[in-house]
Amino acid sequence: MAAGFTLIELIVVILILAILGAIALPRFMNTAGDARTAVMKAVEGAMRGANSMLYAKAAANGQENAGSYTITLPAGETVELRFGYAASTLELMKAMEFSPAEDFVRDGTAIRHAKANSPAGCQVAYVPPTAPGLSPTYTATYAAGPAGC
């Protein structure tokens, strides 16, 4: 008696694998987009964290309510603050370390992922506070598919 698989058994296994592939493949197609979305969520967290540290430094110097105040970071970089927080996206980026830096671009008030399908759909916008006691705002945009990350 010969051991092995019949042609019918092989065709059935191939069909089952094809069906599973057709169902599972679309779920894993956008893993790069999901990774960029996760990176931008981390960027938003880093923005908030860096701004909290800037505010703490301003508060330690009694300048958390100052309309304009400049601090010097340990690396020698100066950052302009407004009411204790970074005065602009550019100033906030000075307090953050991007790695690799070429993956991110500043466009107006937003930090965008340069390698996104559409950088405008994969960004975090920053607006500094307009008065003492107010907090800055962070607006994240993580569009799906070709219009986003």
C-alpha atoms as a PDB file:
ATOM      1  CA  MET A   1       0.000   0.000   0.000  1.00  0.00           C
ATOM      2  CA  ALA A   2       1.436   3.401  -1.003  1.00  0.00           C
ATOM      3  CA  ALA A   3       1.478   6.225   1.543  1.00  0.00           C
ATOM      4  CA  GLY A   4       0.721   9.806   0.566  1.00  0.00           C
ATOM      5  CA  PHE A   5      -2.015  12.313  -0.216  1.00  0.00           C
ATOM      6  CA  THR A   6      -4.495  12.056  -3.029  1.00  0.00           C
ATOM      7  CA  LEU A   7      -4.921  14.884  -5.509  1.00  0.00           C
ATOM      8  CA  ILE A   8      -8.336  15.707  -4.021  1.00  0.00           C
ATOM      9  CA  GLU A   9      -6.867  16.041  -0.514  1.00  0.00           C
ATOM     10  CA  LEU A  10      -4.154  18.369  -1.798  1.00  0.00           C
ATOM     11  CA  ILE A  11      -6.680  20.540  -3.673  1.00  0.00           C
ATOM     12  CA  VAL A  12      -8.899  20.779  -0.555  1.00  0.00           C
ATOM     13  CA  VAL A  13      -5.926  21.878   1.585  1.00  0.00           C
ATOM     14  CA  ILE A  14      -4.881  24.474  -1.021  1.00  0.00           C
ATOM     15  CA  LEU A  15      -8.454  25.816  -1.174  1.00  0.00           C
ATOM     16  CA  ILE A  16      -8.630  26.084   2.608  1.00  0.00           C
ATOM     17  CA  LEU A  17      -5.309  27.961   2.689  1.00  0.00           C
ATOM     18  CA  ALA A  18      -6.478  30.284  -0.097  1.00  0.00           C
ATOM     19  CA  ILE A  19      -9.702  31.093   1.749  1.00  0.00           C
ATOM     20  CA  LEU A  20      -7.823  31.757   4.987  1.00  0.00           C
ATOM     21  CA  GLY A  21      -5.342  33.945   3.111  1.00  0.00           C
ATOM     22  CA  ALA A  22      -8.140  35.943   1.486  1.00  0.00           C
ATOM     23  CA  ILE A  23      -9.723  36.577   4.875  1.00  0.00           C
ATOM     24  CA  ALA A  24      -6.567  37.226   6.901  1.00  0.00           C
ATOM     25  CA  LEU A  25      -4.450  39.134   4.377  1.00  0.00           C
ATOM     26  CA  PRO A  26      -6.503  42.373   4.385  1.00  0.00           C
ATOM     27  CA  ARG A  27      -6.188  42.513   8.179  1.00  0.00           C
ATOM     28  CA  PHE A  28      -2.402  42.606   7.934  1.00  0.00           C
ATOM     29  CA  MET A  29      -2.047  44.794   4.849  1.00  0.00           C
ATOM     30  CA  ASN A  30      -1.872  48.100   6.730  1.00  0.00           C
ATOM     31  CA  THR A  31       0.629  47.151   9.408  1.00  0.00           C
ATOM     32  CA  ALA A  32       2.926  50.006   8.317  1.00  0.00           C
ATOM     33  CA  GLY A  33       0.039  52.483   8.679  1.00  0.00           C
ATOM     34  CA  ASP A  34      -0.801  51.057  12.091  1.00  0.00           C
ATOM     35  CA  ALA A  35       2.841  51.441  13.114  1.00  0.00           C
ATOM     36  CA  ARG A  36       2.918  55.087  11.969  1.00  0.00           C
ATOM     37  CA  THR A  37      -0.328  55.743  13.866  1.00  0.00           C
ATOM     38  CA  ALA A  38       1.234  54.260  17.003  1.00  0.00           C
ATOM     39  CA  VAL A  39       4.342  56.404  16.491  1.00  0.00           C
ATOM     40  CA  MET A  40       2.231  59.561  16.197  1.00  0.00           C
ATOM     41  CA  LYS A  41       0.341  58.644  19.372  1.00  0.00           C
ATOM     42  CA  ALA A  42       3.733  58.354  21.056  1.00  0.00           C
ATOM     43  CA  VAL A  43       4.692  61.764  19.597  1.00  0.00           C
ATOM     44  CA  GLU A  44       1.557  63.256  21.155  1.00  0.00           C
ATOM     45  CA  GLY A  45       2.541  61.738  24.505  1.00  0.00           C
ATOM     46  CA  ALA A  46       6.073  63.094  24.107  1.00  0.00           C
ATOM     47  CA  MET A  47       4.679  66.549  23.316  1.00  0.00           C
ATOM     48  CA  ARG A  48       2.590  66.490  26.476  1.00  0.00           C
ATOM     49  CA  GLY A  49       5.486  65.175  28.561  1.00  0.00           C
ATOM     50  CA  ALA A  50       7.993  67.714  27.242  1.00  0.00           C
ATOM     51  CA  ASN A  51       5.515  70.526  27.836  1.00  0.00           C
ATOM     52  CA  SER A  52       4.898  69.321  31.392  1.00  0.00           C
ATOM     53  CA  MET A  53       8.621  69.444  32.081  1.00  0.00           C
ATOM     54  CA  LEU A  54       8.869  72.935  30.556  1.00  0.00           C
ATOM     55  CA  TYR A  55       5.974  74.078  32.730  1.00  0.00           C
ATOM     56  CA  ALA A  56       7.601  72.567  35.834  1.00  0.00           C
ATOM     57  CA  LYS A  57      10.831  74.429  35.080  1.00  0.00           C
ATOM     58  CA  ALA A  58       8.930  77.705  34.562  1.00  0.00           C
ATOM     59  CA  ALA A  59       6.935  77.153  37.763  1.00  0.00           C
ATOM     60  CA  ALA A  60      10.114  76.421  39.714  1.00  0.00           C
ATOM     61  CA  ASN A  61      11.361  79.836  38.592  1.00  0.00           C
ATOM     62  CA  GLY A  62       8.011  81.509  39.382  1.00  0.00           C
ATOM     63  CA  GLN A  63       7.363  82.267  35.688  1.00  0.00           C
ATOM     64  CA  GLU A  64       4.384  80.001  34.942  1.00  0.00           C
ATOM     65  CA  ASN A  65       2.115  83.034  34.379  1.00  0.00           C
ATOM     66  CA  ALA A  66       4.589  85.066  32.317  1.00  0.00           C
ATOM     67  CA  GLY A  67       3.418  85.941  28.811  1.00  0.00           C
ATOM     68  CA  SER A  68       6.950  85.475  27.525  1.00  0.00           C
ATOM     69  CA  TYR A  69       9.785  83.645  29.231  1.00  0.00           C
ATOM     70  CA  THR A  70      12.892  81.891  27.930  1.00  0.00           C
ATOM     71  CA  ILE A  71      14.604  78.901  29.489  1.00  0.00           C
ATOM     72  CA  THR A  72      17.821  77.151  28.541  1.00  0.00           C
ATOM     73  CA  LEU A  73      17.805  73.370  28.237  1.00  0.00           C
ATOM     74  CA  PRO A  74      20.742  71.301  29.557  1.00  0.00           C
ATOM     75  CA  ALA A  75      22.076  70.927  25.980  1.00  0.00           C
ATOM     76  CA  GLY A  76      22.238  74.734  25.680  1.00  0.00           C
ATOM     77  CA  GLU A  77      19.139  75.122  23.478  1.00  0.00           C
ATOM     78  CA  THR A  78      16.867  78.033  24.437  1.00  0.00           C
ATOM     79  CA  VAL A  79      13.105  77.563  24.425  1.00  0.00           C
ATOM     80  CA  GLU A  80      10.589  80.400  24.464  1.00  0.00           C
ATOM     81  CA  LEU A  81       7.619  79.828  26.762  1.00  0.00           C
ATOM     82  CA  ARG A  82       4.203  81.415  26.905  1.00  0.00           C
ATOM     83  CA  PHE A  83       2.323  81.089  30.200  1.00  0.00           C
ATOM     84  CA  GLY A  84       4.646  78.269  31.229  1.00  0.00           C
ATOM     85  CA  TYR A  85       4.328  76.165  28.067  1.00  0.00           C
ATOM     86  CA  ALA A  86       6.182  76.107  24.737  1.00  0.00           C
ATOM     87  CA  ALA A  87       5.266  79.212  22.750  1.00  0.00           C
ATOM     88  CA  SER A  88       4.951  77.308  19.449  1.00  0.00           C
ATOM     89  CA  THR A  89       5.354  73.912  17.839  1.00  0.00           C
ATOM     90  CA  LEU A  90       8.883  74.861  16.818  1.00  0.00           C
ATOM     91  CA  GLU A  91       9.778  75.733  20.421  1.00  0.00           C
ATOM     92  CA  LEU A  92       8.208  72.496  21.668  1.00  0.00           C
ATOM     93  CA  MET A  93      10.214  70.472  19.132  1.00  0.00           C
ATOM     94  CA  LYS A  94      13.411  71.924  20.609  1.00  0.00           C
ATOM     95  CA  ALA A  95      12.574  70.167  23.888  1.00  0.00           C
ATOM     96  CA  MET A  96      11.826  66.835  22.158  1.00  0.00           C
ATOM     97  CA  GLU A  97      14.251  64.378  20.643  1.00  0.00           C
ATOM     98  CA  PHE A  98      13.005  62.778  17.439  1.00  0.00           C
ATOM     99  CA  SER A  99      14.637  59.580  16.269  1.00  0.00           C
ATOM    100  CA  PRO A 100      15.016  59.352  13.381  1.00  0.00           C
ATOM    101  CA  ALA A 101      14.423  63.059  12.944  1.00  0.00           C
ATOM    102  CA  GLU A 102      13.822  62.784   9.182  1.00  0.00           C
ATOM    103  CA  ASP A 103      10.601  60.815   9.859  1.00  0.00           C
ATOM    104  CA  PHE A 104       8.938  63.955  11.227  1.00  0.00           C
ATOM    105  CA  VAL A 105       8.229  67.385   9.768  1.00  0.00           C
ATOM    106  CA  ARG A 106       6.770  70.538  11.241  1.00  0.00           C
ATOM    107  CA  ASP A 107       4.056  72.123   9.163  1.00  0.00           C
ATOM    108  CA  GLY A 108       2.683  75.258  10.793  1.00  0.00           C
ATOM    109  CA  THR A 109       1.303  74.204  14.157  1.00  0.00           C
ATOM    110  CA  ALA A 110       1.518  70.450  13.466  1.00  0.00           C
ATOM    111  CA  ILE A 111       4.106  67.728  13.677  1.00  0.00           C
ATOM    112  CA  ARG A 112       3.524  65.254  10.845  1.00  0.00           C
ATOM    113  CA  HIS A 113       4.883  61.830   9.999  1.00  0.00           C
ATOM    114  CA  ALA A 114       6.881  62.419   6.816  1.00  0.00           C
ATOM    115  CA  LYS A 115       6.469  58.842   5.575  1.00  0.00           C
ATOM    116  CA  ALA A 116       2.695  58.672   5.969  1.00  0.00           C
ATOM    117  CA  ASN A 117       0.422  58.028   3.001  1.00  0.00           C
ATOM    118  CA  SER A 118      -0.837  61.567   3.520  1.00  0.00           C
ATOM    119  CA  PRO A 119       1.154  63.512   6.144  1.00  0.00           C
ATOM    120  CA  ALA A 120      -1.823  65.854   6.726  1.00  0.00           C
ATOM    121  CA  GLY A 121      -3.828  62.813   7.857  1.00  0.00           C
ATOM    122  CA  CYS A 122      -1.115  61.651  10.253  1.00  0.00           C
ATOM    123  CA  GLN A 123      -0.292  64.554  12.552  1.00  0.00           C
ATOM    124  CA  VAL A 124      -0.589  66.188  15.948  1.00  0.00           C
ATOM    125  CA  ALA A 125      -1.285  69.933  16.016  1.00  0.00           C
ATOM    126  CA  TYR A 126      -0.217  72.079  18.974  1.00  0.00           C
ATOM    127  CA  VAL A 127      -1.691  75.380  20.130  1.00  0.00           C
ATOM    128  CA  PRO A 128      -0.102  77.119  23.132  1.00  0.00           C
ATOM    129  CA  PRO A 129      -2.247  78.622  25.884  1.00  0.00           C
ATOM    130  CA  THR A 130      -3.570  82.138  25.318  1.00  0.00           C
ATOM    131  CA  ALA A 131      -3.767  83.222  28.955  1.00  0.00           C
ATOM    132  CA  PRO A 132      -2.374  82.292  32.378  1.00  0.00           C
ATOM    133  CA  GLY A 133      -3.988  79.212  33.898  1.00  0.00           C
ATOM    134  CA  LEU A 134      -5.032  77.747  30.544  1.00  0.00           C
ATOM    135  CA  SER A 135      -3.574  74.557  29.129  1.00  0.00           C
ATOM    136  CA  PRO A 136      -2.262  74.044  25.609  1.00  0.00           C
ATOM    137  CA  THR A 137      -4.308  72.007  23.143  1.00  0.00           C
ATOM    138  CA  TYR A 138      -3.206  68.991  21.156  1.00  0.00           C
ATOM    139  CA  THR A 139      -5.281  67.894  18.178  1.00  0.00           C
ATOM    140  CA  ALA A 140      -4.419  64.496  16.753  1.00  0.00           C
ATOM    141  CA  THR A 141      -5.437  63.376  13.253  1.00  0.00           C
ATOM    142  CA  TYR A 142      -4.985  59.706  12.432  1.00  0.00           C
ATOM    143  CA  ALA A 143      -6.912  59.056   9.233  1.00  0.00           C
ATOM    144  CA  ALA A 144      -7.024  55.485   7.959  1.00  0.00           C
ATOM    145  CA  GLY A 145      -5.932  54.207   4.575  1.00  0.00           C
ATOM    146  CA  PRO A 146      -4.506  56.347   1.769  1.00  0.00           C
ATOM    147  CA  ALA A 147      -5.762  59.585   3.385  1.00  0.00           C
ATOM    148  CA  GLY A 148      -3.710  59.126   6.528  1.00  0.00           C
ATOM    149  CA  CYS A 149      -1.002  57.187   8.287  1.00  0.00           C
END
